[in-house]
Structures are given as structure tokens and as C-alpha cells.
N, C-alpha and C. Protein backbone atom coordinates (compact mmCIF):
# COMPACT_ATOMS: atom_id res chain seq x y z
N UNK A 1 27.73 148.70 103.33
CA UNK A 1 28.94 149.24 103.88
C UNK A 1 29.22 150.58 103.21
N UNK A 2 29.62 151.53 103.97
CA UNK A 2 29.97 152.85 103.47
C UNK A 2 31.41 153.15 103.85
N UNK A 3 32.19 153.57 102.86
CA UNK A 3 33.57 153.96 103.13
C UNK A 3 33.83 155.31 102.47
N UNK A 4 34.77 156.03 103.02
CA UNK A 4 35.14 157.30 102.43
C UNK A 4 36.43 157.10 101.66
N UNK A 5 36.44 157.59 100.43
CA UNK A 5 37.64 157.52 99.60
C UNK A 5 37.93 158.91 99.06
N UNK A 6 39.20 159.16 98.85
CA UNK A 6 39.57 160.43 98.23
C UNK A 6 39.86 160.19 96.75
N UNK A 7 40.25 161.22 96.05
CA UNK A 7 40.47 161.12 94.61
C UNK A 7 41.57 160.11 94.28
N UNK A 8 42.64 160.10 95.04
CA UNK A 8 43.72 159.15 94.78
C UNK A 8 43.24 157.71 94.97
N UNK A 9 42.38 157.48 95.94
CA UNK A 9 41.80 156.15 96.14
C UNK A 9 41.00 155.74 94.90
N UNK A 10 40.25 156.66 94.33
CA UNK A 10 39.46 156.37 93.13
C UNK A 10 40.36 156.08 91.93
N UNK A 11 41.44 156.84 91.79
CA UNK A 11 42.40 156.57 90.71
C UNK A 11 42.96 155.16 90.87
N UNK A 12 43.30 154.77 92.09
CA UNK A 12 43.83 153.43 92.34
C UNK A 12 42.80 152.35 92.05
N UNK A 13 41.55 152.61 92.38
CA UNK A 13 40.49 151.65 92.05
C UNK A 13 40.39 151.46 90.54
N UNK A 14 40.42 152.56 89.79
CA UNK A 14 40.33 152.47 88.33
C UNK A 14 41.53 151.71 87.78
N UNK A 15 42.72 151.99 88.31
CA UNK A 15 43.91 151.29 87.85
C UNK A 15 43.83 149.78 88.10
N UNK A 16 43.01 149.38 89.04
CA UNK A 16 42.88 147.97 89.37
C UNK A 16 41.88 147.20 88.54
N UNK A 17 41.16 147.88 87.65
CA UNK A 17 40.20 147.20 86.79
C UNK A 17 40.61 147.39 85.33
N UNK A 18 40.15 146.47 84.50
CA UNK A 18 40.45 146.51 83.08
C UNK A 18 39.13 146.49 82.33
N UNK A 19 38.94 147.40 81.38
CA UNK A 19 37.70 147.36 80.61
C UNK A 19 37.70 146.18 79.65
N UNK A 20 36.52 145.63 79.37
CA UNK A 20 36.46 144.60 78.35
C UNK A 20 36.66 145.26 76.99
N UNK A 21 36.81 144.45 75.93
CA UNK A 21 37.13 144.99 74.60
C UNK A 21 36.09 145.98 74.10
N UNK A 22 34.83 145.69 74.34
CA UNK A 22 33.75 146.57 73.90
C UNK A 22 33.81 147.92 74.61
N UNK A 23 34.09 147.90 75.89
CA UNK A 23 34.10 149.12 76.70
C UNK A 23 35.33 150.00 76.42
N UNK A 24 36.38 149.43 75.85
CA UNK A 24 37.58 150.20 75.55
C UNK A 24 37.31 151.37 74.61
N UNK A 25 36.24 151.28 73.82
CA UNK A 25 35.90 152.34 72.88
C UNK A 25 34.94 153.38 73.48
N UNK A 26 34.51 153.19 74.72
CA UNK A 26 33.56 154.10 75.36
C UNK A 26 34.21 155.47 75.53
N UNK A 27 33.41 156.53 75.39
CA UNK A 27 33.95 157.89 75.43
C UNK A 27 34.60 158.26 76.76
N UNK A 28 34.26 157.60 77.84
CA UNK A 28 34.91 157.86 79.12
C UNK A 28 36.20 157.07 79.29
N UNK A 29 36.27 155.93 78.64
CA UNK A 29 37.39 155.02 78.83
C UNK A 29 38.53 155.32 77.86
N UNK A 30 38.20 155.46 76.58
CA UNK A 30 39.20 155.56 75.52
C UNK A 30 40.26 156.65 75.75
N UNK A 31 39.89 157.87 76.15
CA UNK A 31 40.94 158.88 76.32
C UNK A 31 41.80 158.70 77.57
N UNK A 32 41.46 157.72 78.40
CA UNK A 32 42.18 157.55 79.67
C UNK A 32 43.11 156.34 79.69
N UNK A 33 43.32 155.73 78.54
CA UNK A 33 44.22 154.59 78.50
C UNK A 33 44.45 154.12 77.08
N UNK A 34 45.26 153.09 76.97
CA UNK A 34 45.62 152.53 75.67
C UNK A 34 45.61 151.02 75.72
N UNK A 35 45.15 150.42 74.63
CA UNK A 35 45.19 148.97 74.47
C UNK A 35 46.47 148.61 73.73
N UNK A 36 47.21 147.68 74.27
CA UNK A 36 48.44 147.21 73.64
C UNK A 36 48.18 145.77 73.20
N UNK A 37 48.20 145.53 71.91
CA UNK A 37 47.96 144.19 71.39
C UNK A 37 49.25 143.56 70.90
N UNK A 38 49.14 142.33 70.49
CA UNK A 38 50.30 141.61 70.00
C UNK A 38 50.53 140.37 70.83
N UNK A 39 51.77 140.16 71.23
CA UNK A 39 52.08 138.98 72.03
C UNK A 39 51.49 139.07 73.43
N UNK A 40 51.39 140.28 73.95
CA UNK A 40 50.81 140.48 75.28
C UNK A 40 49.70 141.51 75.16
N UNK A 41 48.45 141.04 75.18
CA UNK A 41 47.31 141.95 75.12
C UNK A 41 47.06 142.52 76.51
N UNK A 42 47.04 143.85 76.60
CA UNK A 42 46.75 144.45 77.90
C UNK A 42 46.26 145.88 77.71
N UNK A 43 45.61 146.37 78.73
CA UNK A 43 45.13 147.74 78.80
C UNK A 43 46.02 148.50 79.76
N UNK A 44 46.47 149.68 79.36
CA UNK A 44 47.28 150.51 80.23
C UNK A 44 46.56 151.82 80.48
N UNK A 45 46.32 152.13 81.73
CA UNK A 45 45.69 153.40 82.09
C UNK A 45 46.70 154.52 81.99
N UNK A 46 46.26 155.68 81.54
CA UNK A 46 47.07 156.89 81.53
C UNK A 46 46.77 157.62 82.84
N UNK A 47 47.63 157.46 83.82
CA UNK A 47 47.38 157.95 85.17
C UNK A 47 47.25 159.48 85.19
N UNK A 48 48.04 160.18 84.40
CA UNK A 48 47.94 161.64 84.41
C UNK A 48 46.58 162.09 83.89
N UNK A 49 46.01 161.39 82.91
CA UNK A 49 44.65 161.70 82.45
C UNK A 49 43.63 161.38 83.53
N UNK A 50 43.81 160.25 84.20
CA UNK A 50 42.87 159.88 85.26
C UNK A 50 42.84 160.93 86.36
N UNK A 51 44.00 161.46 86.71
CA UNK A 51 44.08 162.45 87.78
C UNK A 51 43.36 163.74 87.41
N UNK A 52 43.18 163.99 86.11
CA UNK A 52 42.47 165.18 85.65
C UNK A 52 40.95 165.03 85.70
N UNK A 53 40.47 163.80 85.91
CA UNK A 53 39.03 163.53 85.92
C UNK A 53 38.43 163.88 87.28
N UNK A 54 37.14 164.15 87.27
CA UNK A 54 36.44 164.41 88.53
C UNK A 54 36.24 163.09 89.28
N UNK A 55 35.95 163.19 90.55
CA UNK A 55 35.69 161.99 91.34
C UNK A 55 34.49 161.22 90.81
N UNK A 56 33.48 161.93 90.32
CA UNK A 56 32.29 161.29 89.78
C UNK A 56 32.63 160.48 88.52
N UNK A 57 33.46 161.05 87.65
CA UNK A 57 33.85 160.35 86.42
C UNK A 57 34.71 159.14 86.76
N UNK A 58 35.63 159.28 87.70
CA UNK A 58 36.46 158.15 88.10
C UNK A 58 35.61 157.01 88.64
N UNK A 59 34.64 157.33 89.46
CA UNK A 59 33.77 156.29 89.99
C UNK A 59 32.95 155.65 88.88
N UNK A 60 32.48 156.45 87.93
CA UNK A 60 31.72 155.92 86.80
C UNK A 60 32.57 154.98 85.96
N UNK A 61 33.82 155.36 85.69
CA UNK A 61 34.73 154.49 84.94
C UNK A 61 34.94 153.18 85.69
N UNK A 62 35.20 153.27 86.98
CA UNK A 62 35.42 152.06 87.78
C UNK A 62 34.20 151.15 87.74
N UNK A 63 33.04 151.73 87.95
CA UNK A 63 31.81 150.95 87.98
C UNK A 63 31.55 150.27 86.63
N UNK A 64 31.72 151.01 85.53
CA UNK A 64 31.50 150.44 84.20
C UNK A 64 32.45 149.29 83.92
N UNK A 65 33.72 149.46 84.26
CA UNK A 65 34.70 148.40 84.02
C UNK A 65 34.39 147.16 84.85
N UNK A 66 34.08 147.37 86.10
CA UNK A 66 33.77 146.25 86.99
C UNK A 66 32.55 145.49 86.50
N UNK A 67 31.51 146.22 86.11
CA UNK A 67 30.27 145.59 85.66
C UNK A 67 30.43 144.95 84.28
N UNK A 68 31.35 145.44 83.46
CA UNK A 68 31.51 144.90 82.11
C UNK A 68 31.93 143.44 82.11
N UNK A 69 32.63 143.02 83.14
CA UNK A 69 33.08 141.62 83.22
C UNK A 69 32.06 140.72 83.91
N UNK A 70 31.03 141.32 84.51
CA UNK A 70 30.03 140.52 85.20
C UNK A 70 28.81 140.21 84.34
N UNK A 71 28.86 140.54 83.06
CA UNK A 71 27.72 140.30 82.17
C UNK A 71 27.69 138.88 81.69
């Protein structure tokens, strides 16, 4: 299947995935979000940073996060 997506679609795809703990330190992932630990562990994407990324980088981030949970 082939679909066309624009940059905002890619940002939304990235916002819909969460990196695993190991991937949170990756050079593409770390500057684009923050891990919040404590009572509620979660990853928060920095949307303004994501919007500054190229479409290729956004797709790479999405793909890495998605694949990190399938190992």
C-alpha cells in the first residue's frame, strides 16, 4: 500500500509512538522529547522540535520507535 503524507502527518505519526527505554538515548530521539519518571512513567514529544525536523528524519524516528517494540 502506498499513501501520501505531508510533514504534519509525519509529526502526528511520531507523536503516536513511544520509544522504548534504550531508544530514548538515541541521538535522533533524545533531543525531540523528554522522559518523565516517577509515579507516571511516560515519554513526551517536543512538538516544536519535531516540526523543525526534515520529513526523512521524522520517518526515521517513527520507524525506529515502532520497530523498537517489535523486538
